[in-house]
Every structure is written in structure tokens, then in C-alpha cells.
All heavy atoms as atom14 arrays in JSON, in Angstrom:
{
  "sequence": "PFIPADDPGELGDRATPDEKVVFQEQVGVLNRQLNEIIGPGFGPLR",
  "atom14_mask": [
    [1, 1, 1, 1, 1, 1, 1, 0, 0, 0, 0, 0, 0, 0],
    [1, 1, 1, 1, 1, 1, 1, 1, 1, 1, 1, 0, 0, 0],
    [1, 1, 1, 1, 1, 1, 1, 1, 0, 0, 0, 0, 0, 0],
    [1, 1, 1, 1, 1, 1, 1, 0, 0, 0, 0, 0, 0, 0],
    [1, 1, 1, 1, 1, 0, 0, 0, 0, 0, 0, 0, 0, 0],
    [1, 1, 1, 1, 1, 1, 1, 1, 0, 0, 0, 0, 0, 0],
    [1, 1, 1, 1, 1, 1, 1, 1, 0, 0, 0, 0, 0, 0],
    [1, 1, 1, 1, 1, 1, 1, 0, 0, 0, 0, 0, 0, 0],
    [1, 1, 1, 1, 0, 0, 0, 0, 0, 0, 0, 0, 0, 0],
    [1, 1, 1, 1, 1, 1, 1, 1, 1, 0, 0, 0, 0, 0],
    [1, 1, 1, 1, 1, 1, 1, 1, 0, 0, 0, 0, 0, 0],
    [1, 1, 1, 1, 0, 0, 0, 0, 0, 0, 0, 0, 0, 0],
    [1, 1, 1, 1, 1, 1, 1, 1, 0, 0, 0, 0, 0, 0],
    [1, 1, 1, 1, 1, 1, 1, 1, 1, 1, 1, 0, 0, 0],
    [1, 1, 1, 1, 1, 0, 0, 0, 0, 0, 0, 0, 0, 0],
    [1, 1, 1, 1, 1, 1, 1, 0, 0, 0, 0, 0, 0, 0],
    [1, 1, 1, 1, 1, 1, 1, 0, 0, 0, 0, 0, 0, 0],
    [1, 1, 1, 1, 1, 1, 1, 1, 0, 0, 0, 0, 0, 0],
    [1, 1, 1, 1, 1, 1, 1, 1, 1, 0, 0, 0, 0, 0],
    [1, 1, 1, 1, 1, 1, 1, 1, 1, 0, 0, 0, 0, 0],
    [1, 1, 1, 1, 1, 1, 1, 0, 0, 0, 0, 0, 0, 0],
    [1, 1, 1, 1, 1, 1, 1, 0, 0, 0, 0, 0, 0, 0],
    [1, 1, 1, 1, 1, 1, 1, 1, 1, 1, 1, 0, 0, 0],
    [1, 1, 1, 1, 1, 1, 1, 1, 1, 0, 0, 0, 0, 0],
    [1, 1, 1, 1, 1, 1, 1, 1, 1, 0, 0, 0, 0, 0],
    [1, 1, 1, 1, 1, 1, 1, 1, 1, 0, 0, 0, 0, 0],
    [1, 1, 1, 1, 1, 1, 1, 0, 0, 0, 0, 0, 0, 0],
    [1, 1, 1, 1, 0, 0, 0, 0, 0, 0, 0, 0, 0, 0],
    [1, 1, 1, 1, 1, 1, 1, 0, 0, 0, 0, 0, 0, 0],
    [1, 1, 1, 1, 1, 1, 1, 1, 0, 0, 0, 0, 0, 0],
    [1, 1, 1, 1, 1, 1, 1, 1, 0, 0, 0, 0, 0, 0],
    [1, 1, 1, 1, 1, 1, 1, 1, 1, 1, 1, 0, 0, 0],
    [1, 1, 1, 1, 1, 1, 1, 1, 1, 0, 0, 0, 0, 0],
    [1, 1, 1, 1, 1, 1, 1, 1, 0, 0, 0, 0, 0, 0],
    [1, 1, 1, 1, 1, 1, 1, 1, 0, 0, 0, 0, 0, 0],
    [1, 1, 1, 1, 1, 1, 1, 1, 1, 0, 0, 0, 0, 0],
    [1, 1, 1, 1, 1, 1, 1, 1, 0, 0, 0, 0, 0, 0],
    [1, 1, 1, 1, 1, 1, 1, 1, 0, 0, 0, 0, 0, 0],
    [1, 1, 1, 1, 0, 0, 0, 0, 0, 0, 0, 0, 0, 0],
    [1, 1, 1, 1, 1, 1, 1, 0, 0, 0, 0, 0, 0, 0],
    [1, 1, 1, 1, 0, 0, 0, 0, 0, 0, 0, 0, 0, 0],
    [1, 1, 1, 1, 1, 1, 1, 1, 1, 1, 1, 0, 0, 0],
    [1, 1, 1, 1, 0, 0, 0, 0, 0, 0, 0, 0, 0, 0],
    [1, 1, 1, 1, 1, 1, 1, 0, 0, 0, 0, 0, 0, 0],
    [1, 1, 1, 1, 1, 1, 1, 1, 0, 0, 0, 0, 0, 0],
    [1, 1, 1, 1, 1, 1, 1, 1, 1, 1, 1, 0, 0, 0]
  ],
  "atom14_positions": [
    [[-115.23, -58.48, -43.15], [-114.26, -58.48, -42.09], [-112.96, -59.21, -42.29], [-113.1, -60.19, -42.96], [-115.02, -59.17, -40.89], [-116.52, -59.12, -41.31], [-116.53, -59.25, -42.83], [0.0, 0.0, 0.0], [0.0, 0.0, 0.0], [0.0, 0.0, 0.0], [0.0, 0.0, 0.0], [0.0, 0.0, 0.0], [0.0, 0.0, 0.0], [0.0, 0.0, 0.0]],
    [[-111.98, -58.78, -41.82], [-110.67, -59.52, -41.88], [-110.62, -60.42, -40.73], [-110.68, -59.97, -39.5], [-109.45, -58.61, -41.86], [-108.17, -59.23, -41.76], [-107.58, -59.6, -42.97], [-107.46, -59.39, -40.68], [-106.28, -60.37, -42.93], [-106.21, -60.06, -40.61], [-105.64, -60.52, -41.72], [0.0, 0.0, 0.0], [0.0, 0.0, 0.0], [0.0, 0.0, 0.0]],
    [[-110.56, -61.74, -40.87], [-110.51, -62.68, -39.79], [-109.08, -63.13, -39.55], [-108.41, -63.73, -40.4], [-111.32, -63.93, -40.27], [-112.68, -63.51, -40.67], [-111.33, -64.88, -39.13], [-113.55, -62.89, -39.7], [0.0, 0.0, 0.0], [0.0, 0.0, 0.0], [0.0, 0.0, 0.0], [0.0, 0.0, 0.0], [0.0, 0.0, 0.0], [0.0, 0.0, 0.0]],
    [[-108.56, -62.84, -38.32], [-107.15, -63.23, -38.01], [-107.13, -64.81, -38.07], [-108.05, -65.43, -37.41], [-107.01, -62.62, -36.6], [-108.06, -61.61, -36.47], [-109.23, -62.0, -37.32], [0.0, 0.0, 0.0], [0.0, 0.0, 0.0], [0.0, 0.0, 0.0], [0.0, 0.0, 0.0], [0.0, 0.0, 0.0], [0.0, 0.0, 0.0], [0.0, 0.0, 0.0]],
    [[-106.03, -65.27, -38.46], [-105.86, -66.79, -38.49], [-104.37, -67.01, -38.33], [-103.5, -66.17, -38.55], [-106.36, -67.29, -39.82], [0.0, 0.0, 0.0], [0.0, 0.0, 0.0], [0.0, 0.0, 0.0], [0.0, 0.0, 0.0], [0.0, 0.0, 0.0], [0.0, 0.0, 0.0], [0.0, 0.0, 0.0], [0.0, 0.0, 0.0], [0.0, 0.0, 0.0]],
    [[-104.07, -68.26, -37.98], [-102.71, -68.72, -37.88], [-101.95, -68.65, -39.11], [-100.76, -68.22, -39.11], [-102.64, -70.18, -37.28], [-103.27, -70.31, -35.91], [-103.17, -69.17, -35.23], [-103.77, -71.36, -35.64], [0.0, 0.0, 0.0], [0.0, 0.0, 0.0], [0.0, 0.0, 0.0], [0.0, 0.0, 0.0], [0.0, 0.0, 0.0], [0.0, 0.0, 0.0]],
    [[-102.52, -69.07, -40.24], [-101.87, -68.98, -41.55], [-102.8, -68.51, -42.6], [-103.43, -69.27, -43.29], [-101.37, -70.47, -41.95], [-100.27, -70.97, -40.91], [-99.2, -70.39, -41.06], [-100.61, -71.79, -40.16], [0.0, 0.0, 0.0], [0.0, 0.0, 0.0], [0.0, 0.0, 0.0], [0.0, 0.0, 0.0], [0.0, 0.0, 0.0], [0.0, 0.0, 0.0]],
    [[-103.06, -67.13, -42.59], [-104.07, -66.62, -43.5], [-103.84, -67.05, -45.04], [-102.75, -66.92, -45.55], [-103.93, -65.09, -43.31], [-103.26, -64.97, -42.03], [-102.39, -66.14, -41.87], [0.0, 0.0, 0.0], [0.0, 0.0, 0.0], [0.0, 0.0, 0.0], [0.0, 0.0, 0.0], [0.0, 0.0, 0.0], [0.0, 0.0, 0.0], [0.0, 0.0, 0.0]],
    [[-104.84, -67.65, -45.57], [-104.85, -67.91, -46.97], [-104.35, -69.25, -47.34], [-104.42, -69.71, -48.47], [0.0, 0.0, 0.0], [0.0, 0.0, 0.0], [0.0, 0.0, 0.0], [0.0, 0.0, 0.0], [0.0, 0.0, 0.0], [0.0, 0.0, 0.0], [0.0, 0.0, 0.0], [0.0, 0.0, 0.0], [0.0, 0.0, 0.0], [0.0, 0.0, 0.0]],
    [[-103.57, -69.81, -46.49], [-103.01, -71.17, -46.72], [-102.4, -71.81, -45.45], [-102.4, -71.17, -44.44], [-101.79, -70.96, -47.7], [-100.66, -70.06, -47.15], [-99.51, -69.94, -48.27], [-98.74, -70.74, -48.3], [-99.65, -69.0, -49.01], [0.0, 0.0, 0.0], [0.0, 0.0, 0.0], [0.0, 0.0, 0.0], [0.0, 0.0, 0.0], [0.0, 0.0, 0.0]],
    [[-102.1, -73.1, -45.49], [-101.71, -73.72, -44.29], [-100.38, -73.28, -43.77], [-100.07, -73.13, -42.64], [-101.6, -75.22, -44.56], [-103.0, -75.99, -44.68], [-102.74, -77.46, -44.94], [-103.8, -75.75, -43.5], [0.0, 0.0, 0.0], [0.0, 0.0, 0.0], [0.0, 0.0, 0.0], [0.0, 0.0, 0.0], [0.0, 0.0, 0.0], [0.0, 0.0, 0.0]],
    [[-99.44, -72.95, -44.71], [-98.18, -72.38, -44.36], [-97.25, -73.54, -43.91], [-97.55, -74.68, -43.64], [0.0, 0.0, 0.0], [0.0, 0.0, 0.0], [0.0, 0.0, 0.0], [0.0, 0.0, 0.0], [0.0, 0.0, 0.0], [0.0, 0.0, 0.0], [0.0, 0.0, 0.0], [0.0, 0.0, 0.0], [0.0, 0.0, 0.0], [0.0, 0.0, 0.0]],
    [[-95.91, -73.18, -43.92], [-94.89, -74.2, -43.56], [-94.85, -74.47, -42.11], [-94.28, -75.51, -41.69], [-93.52, -73.67, -44.0], [-93.41, -73.54, -45.46], [-94.13, -74.15, -46.23], [-92.62, -72.65, -45.96], [0.0, 0.0, 0.0], [0.0, 0.0, 0.0], [0.0, 0.0, 0.0], [0.0, 0.0, 0.0], [0.0, 0.0, 0.0], [0.0, 0.0, 0.0]],
    [[-95.57, -73.71, -41.25], [-95.48, -73.99, -39.84], [-96.33, -75.14, -39.46], [-96.12, -75.76, -38.45], [-95.99, -72.82, -39.06], [-95.01, -71.63, -39.14], [-95.52, -70.35, -38.24], [-96.69, -69.82, -38.98], [-97.49, -68.9, -38.26], [-97.26, -68.53, -37.18], [-98.5, -68.33, -39.02], [0.0, 0.0, 0.0], [0.0, 0.0, 0.0], [0.0, 0.0, 0.0]],
    [[-97.28, -75.56, -40.29], [-98.21, -76.72, -39.93], [-97.31, -78.0, -40.16], [-96.69, -78.22, -41.07], [-99.41, -76.8, -40.83], [0.0, 0.0, 0.0], [0.0, 0.0, 0.0], [0.0, 0.0, 0.0], [0.0, 0.0, 0.0], [0.0, 0.0, 0.0], [0.0, 0.0, 0.0], [0.0, 0.0, 0.0], [0.0, 0.0, 0.0], [0.0, 0.0, 0.0]],
    [[-97.48, -78.96, -39.17], [-96.83, -80.18, -39.26], [-97.59, -81.1, -40.12], [-98.73, -80.85, -40.35], [-96.63, -80.81, -37.76], [-98.01, -81.14, -37.36], [-95.94, -79.89, -36.89], [0.0, 0.0, 0.0], [0.0, 0.0, 0.0], [0.0, 0.0, 0.0], [0.0, 0.0, 0.0], [0.0, 0.0, 0.0], [0.0, 0.0, 0.0], [0.0, 0.0, 0.0]],
    [[-96.96, -82.16, -40.6], [-97.75, -83.14, -41.38], [-98.98, -83.73, -40.7], [-100.04, -83.9, -41.28], [-96.7, -84.28, -41.68], [-95.42, -83.59, -41.64], [-95.65, -82.55, -40.6], [0.0, 0.0, 0.0], [0.0, 0.0, 0.0], [0.0, 0.0, 0.0], [0.0, 0.0, 0.0], [0.0, 0.0, 0.0], [0.0, 0.0, 0.0], [0.0, 0.0, 0.0]],
    [[-98.86, -83.9, -39.41], [-100.12, -84.42, -38.75], [-101.12, -83.34, -38.61], [-102.33, -83.61, -38.59], [-99.7, -84.84, -37.23], [-98.94, -86.14, -37.18], [-98.97, -86.91, -38.21], [-98.29, -86.37, -36.16], [0.0, 0.0, 0.0], [0.0, 0.0, 0.0], [0.0, 0.0, 0.0], [0.0, 0.0, 0.0], [0.0, 0.0, 0.0], [0.0, 0.0, 0.0]],
    [[-100.87, -82.11, -38.46], [-101.66, -81.05, -38.31], [-102.37, -80.81, -39.72], [-103.66, -80.55, -39.82], [-101.02, -79.71, -37.98], [-100.57, -79.62, -36.5], [-99.73, -78.33, -36.25], [-99.0, -77.86, -37.16], [-99.81, -77.91, -35.14], [0.0, 0.0, 0.0], [0.0, 0.0, 0.0], [0.0, 0.0, 0.0], [0.0, 0.0, 0.0], [0.0, 0.0, 0.0]],
    [[-101.57, -80.98, -40.76], [-102.29, -80.91, -42.1], [-103.29, -81.93, -42.31], [-104.35, -81.79, -42.97], [-101.16, -80.83, -43.11], [-100.25, -79.7, -43.15], [-99.32, -79.69, -44.4], [-98.45, -78.4, -44.43], [-97.55, -78.4, -45.44], [0.0, 0.0, 0.0], [0.0, 0.0, 0.0], [0.0, 0.0, 0.0], [0.0, 0.0, 0.0], [0.0, 0.0, 0.0]],
    [[-103.08, -83.16, -41.78], [-104.01, -84.23, -41.89], [-105.3, -83.89, -41.29], [-106.44, -84.01, -41.78], [-103.51, -85.66, -41.41], [-104.63, -86.6, -41.2], [-102.38, -86.1, -42.35], [0.0, 0.0, 0.0], [0.0, 0.0, 0.0], [0.0, 0.0, 0.0], [0.0, 0.0, 0.0], [0.0, 0.0, 0.0], [0.0, 0.0, 0.0], [0.0, 0.0, 0.0]],
    [[-105.2, -83.3, -40.06], [-106.4, -82.85, -39.28], [-107.03, -81.74, -40.01], [-108.31, -81.69, -40.08], [-105.95, -82.34, -37.84], [-107.13, -81.8, -37.11], [-105.4, -83.62, -37.1], [0.0, 0.0, 0.0], [0.0, 0.0, 0.0], [0.0, 0.0, 0.0], [0.0, 0.0, 0.0], [0.0, 0.0, 0.0], [0.0, 0.0, 0.0], [0.0, 0.0, 0.0]],
    [[-106.38, -80.81, -40.6], [-106.94, -79.69, -41.32], [-107.75, -80.24, -42.5], [-108.85, -79.85, -42.8], [-105.88, -78.68, -41.88], [-105.17, -77.97, -40.78], [-103.91, -77.38, -40.96], [-105.72, -77.81, -39.47], [-103.3, -76.65, -39.94], [-105.07, -77.2, -38.43], [-103.89, -76.47, -38.65], [0.0, 0.0, 0.0], [0.0, 0.0, 0.0], [0.0, 0.0, 0.0]],
    [[-107.16, -81.15, -43.27], [-107.92, -81.74, -44.46], [-109.21, -82.5, -43.94], [-110.19, -82.4, -44.63], [-106.97, -82.83, -45.05], [-105.8, -82.16, -45.84], [-106.08, -81.71, -47.23], [-107.31, -81.78, -47.53], [-105.19, -81.39, -48.02], [0.0, 0.0, 0.0], [0.0, 0.0, 0.0], [0.0, 0.0, 0.0], [0.0, 0.0, 0.0], [0.0, 0.0, 0.0]],
    [[-109.02, -83.14, -42.79], [-110.31, -83.89, -42.36], [-111.37, -82.85, -41.99], [-112.58, -83.0, -42.39], [-110.01, -84.64, -40.99], [-109.15, -85.94, -41.28], [-108.74, -86.67, -40.08], [-108.99, -86.09, -38.97], [-108.33, -87.85, -40.21], [0.0, 0.0, 0.0], [0.0, 0.0, 0.0], [0.0, 0.0, 0.0], [0.0, 0.0, 0.0], [0.0, 0.0, 0.0]],
    [[-111.01, -81.73, -41.32], [-112.01, -80.75, -41.06], [-112.62, -80.0, -42.38], [-113.73, -79.68, -42.3], [-111.38, -79.67, -40.05], [-110.97, -80.18, -38.79], [-110.45, -79.16, -37.79], [-111.19, -78.46, -37.22], [-109.19, -79.25, -37.61], [0.0, 0.0, 0.0], [0.0, 0.0, 0.0], [0.0, 0.0, 0.0], [0.0, 0.0, 0.0], [0.0, 0.0, 0.0]],
    [[-111.68, -79.8, -43.25], [-112.29, -79.26, -44.51], [-113.25, -80.21, -45.19], [-114.33, -79.85, -45.68], [-111.09, -79.07, -45.55], [-111.64, -78.7, -46.9], [-110.12, -77.93, -45.03], [0.0, 0.0, 0.0], [0.0, 0.0, 0.0], [0.0, 0.0, 0.0], [0.0, 0.0, 0.0], [0.0, 0.0, 0.0], [0.0, 0.0, 0.0], [0.0, 0.0, 0.0]],
    [[-113.02, -81.62, -45.04], [-113.99, -82.59, -45.59], [-115.31, -82.41, -44.87], [-116.4, -82.52, -45.4], [0.0, 0.0, 0.0], [0.0, 0.0, 0.0], [0.0, 0.0, 0.0], [0.0, 0.0, 0.0], [0.0, 0.0, 0.0], [0.0, 0.0, 0.0], [0.0, 0.0, 0.0], [0.0, 0.0, 0.0], [0.0, 0.0, 0.0], [0.0, 0.0, 0.0]],
    [[-115.32, -82.3, -43.47], [-116.43, -82.13, -42.66], [-117.27, -80.92, -43.23], [-118.48, -80.97, -43.31], [-116.19, -82.02, -41.19], [-117.44, -81.66, -40.4], [-115.48, -83.28, -40.67], [0.0, 0.0, 0.0], [0.0, 0.0, 0.0], [0.0, 0.0, 0.0], [0.0, 0.0, 0.0], [0.0, 0.0, 0.0], [0.0, 0.0, 0.0], [0.0, 0.0, 0.0]],
    [[-116.59, -79.72, -43.39], [-117.24, -78.59, -43.87], [-117.89, -78.72, -45.25], [-118.91, -78.27, -45.54], [-116.27, -77.34, -43.72], [-115.68, -76.94, -42.4], [-114.69, -75.82, -42.59], [-116.86, -76.53, -41.41], [0.0, 0.0, 0.0], [0.0, 0.0, 0.0], [0.0, 0.0, 0.0], [0.0, 0.0, 0.0], [0.0, 0.0, 0.0], [0.0, 0.0, 0.0]],
    [[-117.04, -79.3, -46.03], [-117.45, -79.56, -47.42], [-118.67, -80.32, -47.57], [-119.62, -79.99, -48.44], [-116.28, -80.12, -48.28], [-116.38, -79.58, -49.75], [-115.37, -79.74, -50.43], [-117.55, -79.3, -50.25], [0.0, 0.0, 0.0], [0.0, 0.0, 0.0], [0.0, 0.0, 0.0], [0.0, 0.0, 0.0], [0.0, 0.0, 0.0], [0.0, 0.0, 0.0]],
    [[-118.9, -81.29, -46.7], [-120.05, -82.16, -46.76], [-121.28, -81.34, -46.46], [-122.38, -81.5, -47.08], [-119.94, -83.36, -45.7], [-121.01, -84.39, -45.77], [-121.07, -85.07, -47.07], [-122.31, -85.93, -47.13], [-122.18, -87.29, -47.21], [-120.97, -87.91, -47.24], [-123.31, -88.1, -47.38], [0.0, 0.0, 0.0], [0.0, 0.0, 0.0], [0.0, 0.0, 0.0]],
    [[-121.14, -80.34, -45.52], [-122.28, -79.46, -45.15], [-122.64, -78.68, -46.38], [-123.88, -78.55, -46.65], [-121.92, -78.6, -44.07], [-121.78, -79.21, -42.67], [-121.63, -78.23, -41.6], [-122.37, -77.29, -41.5], [-120.65, -78.41, -40.77], [0.0, 0.0, 0.0], [0.0, 0.0, 0.0], [0.0, 0.0, 0.0], [0.0, 0.0, 0.0], [0.0, 0.0, 0.0]],
    [[-121.84, -78.2, -47.18], [-122.1, -77.31, -48.24], [-122.83, -78.25, -49.34], [-123.79, -77.68, -49.91], [-120.7, -76.81, -48.92], [-119.82, -75.84, -48.01], [-118.7, -75.35, -48.98], [-120.67, -74.82, -47.5], [0.0, 0.0, 0.0], [0.0, 0.0, 0.0], [0.0, 0.0, 0.0], [0.0, 0.0, 0.0], [0.0, 0.0, 0.0], [0.0, 0.0, 0.0]],
    [[-122.49, -79.42, -49.47], [-123.15, -80.23, -50.44], [-124.54, -80.67, -50.08], [-125.22, -81.31, -50.94], [-122.25, -81.49, -50.76], [-120.88, -81.24, -51.35], [-120.0, -81.97, -51.15], [-120.71, -80.14, -51.99], [0.0, 0.0, 0.0], [0.0, 0.0, 0.0], [0.0, 0.0, 0.0], [0.0, 0.0, 0.0], [0.0, 0.0, 0.0], [0.0, 0.0, 0.0]],
    [[-124.98, -80.3, -48.86], [-126.36, -80.61, -48.53], [-127.32, -79.58, -48.95], [-128.44, -79.76, -48.97], [-126.39, -80.7, -46.95], [-125.62, -81.96, -46.36], [-126.14, -83.27, -46.98], [-127.35, -83.55, -47.08], [-125.29, -84.08, -47.32], [0.0, 0.0, 0.0], [0.0, 0.0, 0.0], [0.0, 0.0, 0.0], [0.0, 0.0, 0.0], [0.0, 0.0, 0.0]],
    [[-126.75, -78.48, -49.4], [-127.59, -77.44, -50.06], [-128.17, -77.83, -51.43], [-127.39, -78.3, -52.21], [-126.91, -76.05, -50.17], [-126.37, -75.59, -48.82], [-127.75, -74.97, -50.9], [-125.4, -74.41, -48.83], [0.0, 0.0, 0.0], [0.0, 0.0, 0.0], [0.0, 0.0, 0.0], [0.0, 0.0, 0.0], [0.0, 0.0, 0.0], [0.0, 0.0, 0.0]],
    [[-129.38, -77.83, -51.62], [-130.08, -78.32, -52.89], [-130.57, -77.12, -53.63], [-131.11, -76.22, -53.21], [-131.22, -79.21, -52.5], [-130.89, -80.35, -51.61], [-131.79, -79.81, -53.87], [-129.8, -81.27, -52.14], [0.0, 0.0, 0.0], [0.0, 0.0, 0.0], [0.0, 0.0, 0.0], [0.0, 0.0, 0.0], [0.0, 0.0, 0.0], [0.0, 0.0, 0.0]],
    [[-130.24, -77.2, -54.97], [-130.56, -76.13, -55.84], [-131.78, -76.43, -56.64], [-132.33, -77.55, -56.76], [0.0, 0.0, 0.0], [0.0, 0.0, 0.0], [0.0, 0.0, 0.0], [0.0, 0.0, 0.0], [0.0, 0.0, 0.0], [0.0, 0.0, 0.0], [0.0, 0.0, 0.0], [0.0, 0.0, 0.0], [0.0, 0.0, 0.0], [0.0, 0.0, 0.0]],
    [[-132.34, -75.42, -57.4], [-133.56, -75.66, -58.33], [-133.16, -76.29, -59.61], [-134.15, -76.72, -60.28], [-134.06, -74.24, -58.49], [-132.78, -73.36, -58.38], [-131.92, -73.99, -57.43], [0.0, 0.0, 0.0], [0.0, 0.0, 0.0], [0.0, 0.0, 0.0], [0.0, 0.0, 0.0], [0.0, 0.0, 0.0], [0.0, 0.0, 0.0], [0.0, 0.0, 0.0]],
    [[-131.91, -76.32, -60.0], [-131.51, -77.06, -61.18], [-130.04, -77.17, -61.28], [-129.32, -76.71, -60.25], [0.0, 0.0, 0.0], [0.0, 0.0, 0.0], [0.0, 0.0, 0.0], [0.0, 0.0, 0.0], [0.0, 0.0, 0.0], [0.0, 0.0, 0.0], [0.0, 0.0, 0.0], [0.0, 0.0, 0.0], [0.0, 0.0, 0.0], [0.0, 0.0, 0.0]],
    [[-129.49, -77.61, -62.3], [-128.03, -77.82, -62.49], [-127.44, -76.64, -63.22], [-128.08, -76.06, -64.15], [-127.76, -79.07, -63.22], [-128.03, -80.37, -62.42], [-129.24, -81.05, -62.76], [-127.24, -80.86, -61.55], [-129.55, -82.19, -62.09], [-127.51, -81.97, -60.88], [-128.67, -82.68, -61.19], [0.0, 0.0, 0.0], [0.0, 0.0, 0.0], [0.0, 0.0, 0.0]],
    [[-126.2, -76.35, -62.89], [-125.48, -75.3, -63.7], [-124.89, -74.17, -62.81], [-124.79, -74.34, -61.62], [0.0, 0.0, 0.0], [0.0, 0.0, 0.0], [0.0, 0.0, 0.0], [0.0, 0.0, 0.0], [0.0, 0.0, 0.0], [0.0, 0.0, 0.0], [0.0, 0.0, 0.0], [0.0, 0.0, 0.0], [0.0, 0.0, 0.0], [0.0, 0.0, 0.0]],
    [[-124.8, -72.95, -63.35], [-124.25, -71.81, -62.63], [-125.13, -71.49, -61.47], [-126.29, -71.61, -61.53], [-124.24, -70.75, -63.66], [-124.15, -71.42, -65.0], [-124.86, -72.67, -64.79], [0.0, 0.0, 0.0], [0.0, 0.0, 0.0], [0.0, 0.0, 0.0], [0.0, 0.0, 0.0], [0.0, 0.0, 0.0], [0.0, 0.0, 0.0], [0.0, 0.0, 0.0]],
    [[-124.55, -71.04, -60.4], [-125.32, -70.74, -59.23], [-126.38, -69.69, -59.48], [-127.51, -69.8, -58.88], [-124.38, -70.28, -58.12], [-124.75, -70.54, -56.68], [-124.8, -72.1, -56.39], [-123.69, -69.9, -55.67], [0.0, 0.0, 0.0], [0.0, 0.0, 0.0], [0.0, 0.0, 0.0], [0.0, 0.0, 0.0], [0.0, 0.0, 0.0], [0.0, 0.0, 0.0]],
    [[-126.07, -68.7, -60.22], [-126.98, -67.64, -60.51], [-127.94, -68.04, -61.72], [-128.86, -67.2, -61.92], [-126.23, -66.36, -60.81], [-125.46, -65.81, -59.73], [-124.74, -64.5, -59.94], [-123.71, -64.68, -60.99], [-123.63, -63.94, -62.19], [-124.59, -63.1, -62.48], [-122.69, -64.2, -62.93], [0.0, 0.0, 0.0], [0.0, 0.0, 0.0], [0.0, 0.0, 0.0]]
  ]
}
């Protein structure tokens, strides 16, 4: 699906410096969740 967004693919020039800080924080929150997935070994995902 195509997901409509304010700045598809990047933050874009419309985001203020304060908004970008908030965006970065939210990316950190999401990234932490991804790192909680445990794999059977190290290396390529497949």
C-alpha cells in the first residue's frame, strides 16, 4: 500500500528543527522495538 504522509520518504524542509528532534526521538523508540527481536544466529537475516 501507498501510505500518505506529510513528507514521504524524508523529513523535508517543512519540518522545523524542533520537529526534527521529536521525529528523531520517535525513530529511536521504534528502533529499540526492532532490536528486541532475537535471531537464531548472527549474520544475514536469511
